[in-house]
């Protein structure tokens, strides 16, 4: 949350959060997927598709909204995302605008 607070502090007009995993219960998991299944665009030469592991943490959306409000931002867009969630978590893209 401290990193996110610093992001809001440094933003002049907008904050856009994408590929978020929200849940009422904070959880940490190790997520594994194929390297070439992460993100779009061309694959650079010399890379081979393989399993990669990385941390997956859920956030509390209400806490994010409260932080944004405290920093003088309002949520102007909340768009659902498909995939990238574990258990009872859900994905959203959030766009905030400075008041």
N, C-alpha and C. Protein backbone atom coordinates (compact mmCIF):
# COMPACT_ATOMS: atom_id res chain seq x y z
N UNK A 1 0.82 -1.19 0.00
CA UNK A 1 0.00 0.00 0.00
C UNK A 1 0.87 1.26 0.00
N UNK A 2 2.05 1.18 0.61
CA UNK A 2 2.94 2.34 0.64
C UNK A 2 3.41 2.71 -0.76
N UNK A 3 3.69 1.70 -1.58
CA UNK A 3 4.11 1.96 -2.96
C UNK A 3 2.96 2.59 -3.75
N UNK A 4 1.77 2.07 -3.55
CA UNK A 4 0.60 2.63 -4.23
C UNK A 4 0.33 4.06 -3.77
N UNK A 5 0.47 4.33 -2.48
CA UNK A 5 0.29 5.69 -1.96
C UNK A 5 1.29 6.64 -2.61
N UNK A 6 2.53 6.20 -2.76
CA UNK A 6 3.55 7.03 -3.41
C UNK A 6 3.19 7.28 -4.87
N UNK A 7 2.59 6.29 -5.52
CA UNK A 7 2.13 6.48 -6.90
C UNK A 7 1.05 7.53 -7.01
N UNK A 8 0.08 7.48 -6.10
CA UNK A 8 -0.95 8.51 -6.09
C UNK A 8 -0.35 9.88 -5.81
N UNK A 9 0.61 9.95 -4.89
CA UNK A 9 1.25 11.22 -4.56
C UNK A 9 1.97 11.82 -5.76
N UNK A 10 2.56 10.99 -6.59
CA UNK A 10 3.34 11.49 -7.73
C UNK A 10 2.50 11.74 -8.98
N UNK A 11 1.27 11.24 -9.01
CA UNK A 11 0.41 11.39 -10.20
C UNK A 11 -0.12 12.81 -10.29
N UNK A 12 -0.08 13.36 -11.48
CA UNK A 12 -0.59 14.72 -11.69
C UNK A 12 -2.08 14.73 -11.99
N UNK A 13 -2.56 13.76 -12.80
CA UNK A 13 -3.95 13.82 -13.21
C UNK A 13 -4.68 12.48 -13.14
N UNK A 14 -4.00 11.38 -13.49
CA UNK A 14 -4.65 10.08 -13.55
C UNK A 14 -3.78 9.01 -12.91
N UNK A 15 -4.41 7.96 -12.42
CA UNK A 15 -3.76 6.74 -11.98
C UNK A 15 -4.54 5.59 -12.61
N UNK A 16 -3.84 4.70 -13.30
CA UNK A 16 -4.47 3.56 -13.95
C UNK A 16 -3.86 2.29 -13.37
N UNK A 17 -4.71 1.43 -12.83
CA UNK A 17 -4.26 0.16 -12.26
C UNK A 17 -4.84 -0.97 -13.11
N UNK A 18 -3.97 -1.78 -13.69
CA UNK A 18 -4.42 -2.90 -14.54
C UNK A 18 -3.90 -4.20 -13.99
N UNK A 19 -4.56 -5.28 -14.36
CA UNK A 19 -4.19 -6.64 -13.95
C UNK A 19 -4.13 -6.77 -12.42
N UNK A 20 -5.19 -6.34 -11.78
CA UNK A 20 -5.29 -6.42 -10.32
C UNK A 20 -6.11 -7.63 -9.92
N UNK A 21 -5.76 -8.22 -8.82
CA UNK A 21 -6.50 -9.34 -8.26
C UNK A 21 -7.00 -8.91 -6.89
N UNK A 22 -8.31 -8.77 -6.75
CA UNK A 22 -8.91 -8.28 -5.52
C UNK A 22 -9.64 -9.40 -4.78
N UNK A 23 -9.67 -9.28 -3.46
CA UNK A 23 -10.41 -10.20 -2.61
C UNK A 23 -10.61 -9.53 -1.26
N UNK A 24 -11.64 -9.94 -0.54
CA UNK A 24 -11.85 -9.43 0.81
C UNK A 24 -10.81 -9.98 1.77
N UNK A 25 -10.18 -11.09 1.40
CA UNK A 25 -9.16 -11.71 2.23
C UNK A 25 -7.83 -11.62 1.50
N UNK A 26 -6.83 -11.03 2.17
CA UNK A 26 -5.51 -10.89 1.56
C UNK A 26 -4.84 -12.26 1.51
N UNK A 27 -4.42 -12.66 0.30
CA UNK A 27 -3.76 -13.95 0.13
C UNK A 27 -2.50 -13.80 -0.70
N UNK A 28 -1.58 -14.73 -0.51
CA UNK A 28 -0.36 -14.80 -1.29
C UNK A 28 -0.25 -16.21 -1.85
N UNK A 29 0.08 -16.32 -3.13
CA UNK A 29 0.27 -17.61 -3.79
C UNK A 29 1.48 -17.51 -4.69
N UNK A 30 1.99 -18.65 -5.08
CA UNK A 30 2.98 -18.72 -6.15
C UNK A 30 2.22 -19.18 -7.38
N UNK A 31 2.23 -18.36 -8.42
CA UNK A 31 1.51 -18.66 -9.65
C UNK A 31 2.52 -19.12 -10.69
N UNK A 32 2.17 -20.15 -11.43
CA UNK A 32 3.03 -20.67 -12.49
C UNK A 32 2.28 -20.63 -13.81
N UNK A 33 2.97 -20.19 -14.84
CA UNK A 33 2.38 -20.18 -16.19
C UNK A 33 3.52 -20.31 -17.20
N UNK A 34 3.15 -20.43 -18.45
CA UNK A 34 4.14 -20.48 -19.51
C UNK A 34 4.59 -19.05 -19.83
N UNK A 35 5.87 -18.85 -20.05
CA UNK A 35 6.43 -17.54 -20.31
C UNK A 35 5.72 -16.83 -21.46
N UNK A 36 5.47 -17.53 -22.56
CA UNK A 36 4.88 -16.90 -23.73
C UNK A 36 3.38 -16.62 -23.57
N UNK A 37 2.80 -17.08 -22.46
CA UNK A 37 1.38 -16.80 -22.19
C UNK A 37 1.20 -15.51 -21.39
N UNK A 38 2.28 -14.83 -21.08
CA UNK A 38 2.24 -13.60 -20.28
C UNK A 38 2.45 -12.38 -21.16
N UNK A 39 1.40 -11.59 -21.32
CA UNK A 39 1.53 -10.35 -22.09
C UNK A 39 1.41 -10.56 -23.58
N UNK A 40 1.37 -9.44 -24.28
CA UNK A 40 1.23 -9.47 -25.74
C UNK A 40 2.49 -8.99 -26.41
N UNK A 41 2.43 -8.99 -27.70
CA UNK A 41 3.55 -8.50 -28.49
C UNK A 41 4.48 -9.61 -28.93
N UNK A 42 5.44 -9.25 -29.77
CA UNK A 42 6.36 -10.25 -30.31
C UNK A 42 7.32 -10.78 -29.24
N UNK A 43 7.75 -12.02 -29.42
CA UNK A 43 8.72 -12.64 -28.53
C UNK A 43 10.12 -12.28 -29.03
N UNK A 44 10.96 -11.71 -28.17
CA UNK A 44 12.33 -11.38 -28.61
C UNK A 44 13.11 -12.62 -28.99
N UNK A 45 14.02 -12.49 -29.93
CA UNK A 45 14.88 -13.60 -30.34
C UNK A 45 15.67 -14.13 -29.15
N UNK A 46 15.88 -15.42 -29.13
CA UNK A 46 16.71 -16.04 -28.11
C UNK A 46 15.96 -16.53 -26.88
N UNK A 47 14.66 -16.27 -26.79
CA UNK A 47 13.89 -16.73 -25.64
C UNK A 47 13.16 -18.02 -25.99
N UNK A 48 13.12 -18.94 -25.04
CA UNK A 48 12.39 -20.19 -25.20
C UNK A 48 11.21 -20.21 -24.24
N UNK A 49 10.09 -20.77 -24.69
CA UNK A 49 8.92 -20.87 -23.83
C UNK A 49 9.22 -21.86 -22.71
N UNK A 50 8.93 -21.47 -21.48
CA UNK A 50 9.17 -22.34 -20.33
C UNK A 50 8.24 -21.93 -19.19
N UNK A 51 8.16 -22.78 -18.18
CA UNK A 51 7.39 -22.43 -17.00
C UNK A 51 8.09 -21.32 -16.23
N UNK A 52 7.31 -20.34 -15.78
CA UNK A 52 7.83 -19.28 -14.91
C UNK A 52 6.93 -19.20 -13.68
N UNK A 53 7.51 -18.85 -12.55
CA UNK A 53 6.76 -18.71 -11.31
C UNK A 53 6.94 -17.30 -10.78
N UNK A 54 5.90 -16.75 -10.21
CA UNK A 54 5.97 -15.41 -9.65
C UNK A 54 4.91 -15.27 -8.56
N UNK A 55 5.11 -14.29 -7.66
CA UNK A 55 4.15 -14.12 -6.57
C UNK A 55 2.83 -13.56 -7.08
N UNK A 56 1.77 -14.00 -6.49
CA UNK A 56 0.43 -13.52 -6.81
C UNK A 56 -0.22 -13.11 -5.49
N UNK A 57 -0.54 -11.83 -5.37
CA UNK A 57 -1.11 -11.30 -4.13
C UNK A 57 -2.44 -10.64 -4.43
N UNK A 58 -3.40 -10.87 -3.58
CA UNK A 58 -4.67 -10.17 -3.71
C UNK A 58 -4.62 -8.88 -2.90
N UNK A 59 -5.40 -7.91 -3.34
CA UNK A 59 -5.56 -6.63 -2.65
C UNK A 59 -7.02 -6.45 -2.28
N UNK A 60 -7.27 -5.60 -1.32
CA UNK A 60 -8.64 -5.27 -0.92
C UNK A 60 -9.07 -4.03 -1.70
N UNK A 61 -10.06 -4.17 -2.55
CA UNK A 61 -10.49 -3.06 -3.41
C UNK A 61 -11.00 -1.87 -2.59
N UNK A 62 -11.70 -2.13 -1.50
CA UNK A 62 -12.20 -1.04 -0.65
C UNK A 62 -11.04 -0.21 -0.09
N UNK A 63 -9.95 -0.86 0.26
CA UNK A 63 -8.78 -0.13 0.77
C UNK A 63 -8.15 0.74 -0.31
N UNK A 64 -8.12 0.23 -1.54
CA UNK A 64 -7.59 1.00 -2.66
C UNK A 64 -8.46 2.23 -2.92
N UNK A 65 -9.78 2.03 -2.89
CA UNK A 65 -10.71 3.15 -3.11
C UNK A 65 -10.55 4.21 -2.01
N UNK A 66 -10.39 3.76 -0.76
CA UNK A 66 -10.22 4.70 0.36
C UNK A 66 -8.91 5.48 0.23
N UNK A 67 -7.85 4.79 -0.18
CA UNK A 67 -6.56 5.45 -0.38
C UNK A 67 -6.67 6.50 -1.48
N UNK A 68 -7.29 6.12 -2.60
CA UNK A 68 -7.45 7.06 -3.71
C UNK A 68 -8.22 8.30 -3.26
N UNK A 69 -9.29 8.11 -2.54
CA UNK A 69 -10.09 9.23 -2.05
C UNK A 69 -9.27 10.13 -1.12
N UNK A 70 -8.50 9.52 -0.23
CA UNK A 70 -7.67 10.29 0.69
C UNK A 70 -6.60 11.10 -0.04
N UNK A 71 -6.19 10.61 -1.21
CA UNK A 71 -5.18 11.30 -2.01
C UNK A 71 -5.79 12.27 -3.01
N UNK A 72 -7.13 12.44 -2.99
CA UNK A 72 -7.80 13.41 -3.85
C UNK A 72 -8.17 12.89 -5.22
N UNK A 73 -8.39 11.57 -5.35
CA UNK A 73 -8.75 10.97 -6.64
C UNK A 73 -10.12 10.31 -6.53
N UNK A 74 -10.82 10.25 -7.67
CA UNK A 74 -12.07 9.49 -7.73
C UNK A 74 -11.95 8.44 -8.83
N UNK A 75 -12.62 7.31 -8.63
CA UNK A 75 -12.61 6.24 -9.61
C UNK A 75 -13.58 6.60 -10.73
N UNK A 76 -13.07 6.69 -11.96
CA UNK A 76 -13.93 7.06 -13.10
C UNK A 76 -14.19 5.87 -14.02
N UNK A 77 -13.49 4.74 -13.79
CA UNK A 77 -13.72 3.55 -14.61
C UNK A 77 -13.31 2.32 -13.82
N UNK A 78 -14.17 1.32 -13.89
CA UNK A 78 -13.95 0.04 -13.20
C UNK A 78 -14.35 -1.06 -14.18
N UNK A 79 -13.36 -1.72 -14.76
CA UNK A 79 -13.60 -2.67 -15.84
C UNK A 79 -13.17 -4.06 -15.40
N UNK A 80 -14.02 -5.05 -15.61
CA UNK A 80 -13.69 -6.43 -15.25
C UNK A 80 -12.61 -7.00 -16.12
N UNK A 81 -11.81 -7.88 -15.54
CA UNK A 81 -10.78 -8.61 -16.27
C UNK A 81 -11.08 -10.09 -16.19
N UNK A 82 -10.67 -10.82 -17.19
CA UNK A 82 -10.87 -12.27 -17.22
C UNK A 82 -9.52 -12.94 -17.03
N UNK A 83 -9.48 -13.89 -16.13
CA UNK A 83 -8.25 -14.65 -15.92
C UNK A 83 -7.34 -13.98 -14.91
N UNK A 84 -6.30 -14.70 -14.52
CA UNK A 84 -5.31 -14.18 -13.61
C UNK A 84 -5.74 -14.17 -12.16
N UNK A 85 -6.85 -14.81 -11.85
CA UNK A 85 -7.33 -14.83 -10.48
C UNK A 85 -7.20 -16.23 -9.90
N UNK A 86 -7.11 -16.28 -8.57
CA UNK A 86 -6.99 -17.55 -7.86
C UNK A 86 -8.02 -17.56 -6.75
N UNK A 87 -8.68 -18.68 -6.56
CA UNK A 87 -9.65 -18.81 -5.47
C UNK A 87 -10.82 -17.87 -5.64
N UNK A 88 -11.15 -17.15 -4.56
CA UNK A 88 -12.32 -16.27 -4.59
C UNK A 88 -11.98 -14.85 -5.04
N UNK A 89 -10.79 -14.64 -5.60
CA UNK A 89 -10.41 -13.30 -6.05
C UNK A 89 -11.08 -12.97 -7.38
N UNK A 90 -11.07 -11.68 -7.71
CA UNK A 90 -11.65 -11.21 -8.98
C UNK A 90 -10.74 -10.13 -9.55
N UNK A 91 -10.75 -9.99 -10.86
CA UNK A 91 -9.88 -9.03 -11.53
C UNK A 91 -10.63 -7.79 -11.97
N UNK A 92 -9.99 -6.63 -11.80
CA UNK A 92 -10.55 -5.35 -12.24
C UNK A 92 -9.42 -4.43 -12.69
N UNK A 93 -9.73 -3.59 -13.67
CA UNK A 93 -8.89 -2.46 -14.03
C UNK A 93 -9.56 -1.22 -13.45
N UNK A 94 -8.79 -0.39 -12.77
CA UNK A 94 -9.34 0.80 -12.14
C UNK A 94 -8.64 2.03 -12.71
N UNK A 95 -9.44 3.07 -13.03
CA UNK A 95 -8.89 4.33 -13.50
C UNK A 95 -9.37 5.42 -12.54
N UNK A 96 -8.41 6.20 -12.04
CA UNK A 96 -8.71 7.28 -11.11
C UNK A 96 -8.32 8.62 -11.72
N UNK A 97 -9.12 9.64 -11.43
CA UNK A 97 -8.84 10.99 -11.89
C UNK A 97 -8.74 11.91 -10.68
N UNK A 98 -7.77 12.82 -10.73
CA UNK A 98 -7.60 13.78 -9.63
C UNK A 98 -8.78 14.73 -9.63
N UNK A 99 -9.30 14.98 -8.44
CA UNK A 99 -10.45 15.90 -8.29
C UNK A 99 -10.01 17.34 -8.44
